[in-house]
Each structure stands twice: as structure tokens, then as C-alpha cells.
Protein backbone atom coordinates (compact mmCIF):
# COMPACT_ATOMS: atom_id res chain seq x y z
CA UNK A 1 -0.36 -0.28 0.16
CA UNK A 2 1.26 3.41 -0.75
CA UNK A 3 0.69 6.91 0.84
CA UNK A 4 -1.95 8.04 -0.27
CA UNK A 5 -3.47 4.49 -0.43
CA UNK A 6 -3.23 4.49 3.31
CA UNK A 7 -4.07 7.92 3.91
CA UNK A 8 -6.95 8.19 1.34
CA UNK A 9 -8.38 4.47 4.03
CA UNK A 10 -7.57 6.35 6.55
CA UNK A 11 -10.02 9.48 5.84
CA UNK A 12 -12.45 7.17 4.13
CA UNK A 13 -13.36 5.55 7.17
CA UNK A 14 -15.10 8.72 8.22
CA UNK A 15 -15.54 11.28 4.95
CA UNK A 16 -16.14 8.51 1.85
CA UNK A 17 -16.79 12.61 -0.41
CA UNK A 18 -13.46 14.70 1.16
CA UNK A 19 -11.37 11.25 1.08
CA UNK A 20 -12.27 10.95 -2.91
CA UNK A 21 -11.62 14.61 -3.05
CA UNK A 22 -8.00 14.37 -1.55
CA UNK A 23 -7.85 11.40 -3.25
CA UNK A 24 -7.89 12.96 -6.79
CA UNK A 25 -5.64 16.30 -5.17
CA UNK A 26 -3.11 14.28 -4.47
CA UNK A 27 -2.54 11.79 -7.30
CA UNK A 28 -2.48 15.38 -9.50
CA UNK A 29 -0.67 16.92 -7.71
CA UNK A 30 2.83 15.98 -8.71
CA UNK A 31 2.13 17.33 -12.03
CA UNK A 32 1.54 20.43 -11.25
CA UNK A 33 4.95 21.27 -9.83
CA UNK A 34 6.36 20.34 -13.01
CA UNK A 35 6.28 23.97 -14.96
CA UNK A 36 8.41 24.66 -11.63
CA UNK A 37 9.74 21.90 -10.02
CA UNK A 38 11.38 24.66 -7.02
CA UNK A 39 8.41 25.35 -5.92
CA UNK A 40 8.89 23.62 -2.78
CA UNK A 41 11.04 24.07 0.75
CA UNK A 42 14.70 23.11 0.78
CA UNK A 43 15.02 20.40 3.46
CA UNK A 44 18.54 20.78 3.62
CA UNK A 45 18.95 17.59 5.66
CA UNK A 46 18.95 15.79 2.14
CA UNK A 47 21.90 17.83 0.45
CA UNK A 48 23.11 17.03 -1.75
CA UNK A 49 20.25 15.86 -3.51
CA UNK A 50 17.71 18.47 -3.99
CA UNK A 51 14.85 16.95 -1.85
CA UNK A 52 12.09 19.69 -1.68
CA UNK A 53 8.30 19.89 0.39
CA UNK A 54 5.42 21.35 -0.70
CA UNK A 55 1.55 21.04 0.56
CA UNK A 56 -1.30 19.87 -0.48
CA UNK A 57 -4.60 20.67 1.95
CA UNK A 58 -2.74 19.13 5.51
CA UNK A 59 -0.38 16.70 3.35
CA UNK A 60 3.14 17.17 2.70
CA UNK A 61 4.60 15.99 0.12
CA UNK A 62 8.06 15.03 -0.40
CA UNK A 63 9.90 15.08 -4.01
CA UNK A 64 13.47 15.06 -5.05
CA UNK A 65 14.71 16.90 -8.59
CA UNK A 66 17.26 15.81 -10.68
CA UNK A 67 17.96 16.89 -14.17
CA UNK A 68 15.48 14.93 -15.71
CA UNK A 69 12.71 14.28 -13.15
CA UNK A 70 10.56 14.89 -10.49
CA UNK A 71 10.12 12.24 -8.04
CA UNK A 72 7.91 11.63 -4.76
CA UNK A 73 9.53 10.46 -2.21
CA UNK A 74 6.77 10.44 -0.29
CA UNK A 75 3.07 12.08 1.30
CA UNK A 76 1.70 12.20 4.69
CA UNK A 77 0.13 14.28 6.88
CA UNK A 78 1.49 17.35 8.09
CA UNK A 79 0.38 15.47 12.31
CA UNK A 80 1.93 12.53 11.63
CA UNK A 81 5.05 10.83 13.81
CA UNK A 82 7.23 10.66 10.75
């Protein structure tokens, strides 16, 4: 089970409609970063890799920017103990 599935399953237990909205936003958010991949805040603890964090609602998406790719590493709720 990936991060998005885990998060959506949790939300769906109390609001299936909200879960569907969040699912769509989380699934589409990487594409929103393609024009401006450095839009998220850079996380210095991962240097020399260029790992960034971008907020989608109450969720944080960590991703790596390479010369040719944007790689999603993790997605989690901002209040989660990670």
C-alpha cells in the first residue's frame, strides 16, 4: 500500500466524499509542480540531493528534483509522526 492509499483509506472511514477529493488532489499534485519543480521548500537535511517539500491541503509531499525528473518520495499528513 502506498502513502496515498493509506491516507485515503483513513479519511474514507469518516468521510468518503472528502477522501475522493483528497485522493484526486494528491494524485494530481506532482503534475502541478512540473512547470515550477523548485516551488517547494528545500530540505537541507537531504543535501547534496535536492529534496523538497510541498503542501497539498494538510498533507506534505516530499519529492526529489533531478536534472530530468521529479520523483515523489513520500506523502503524509502534516501532523503524522514521521
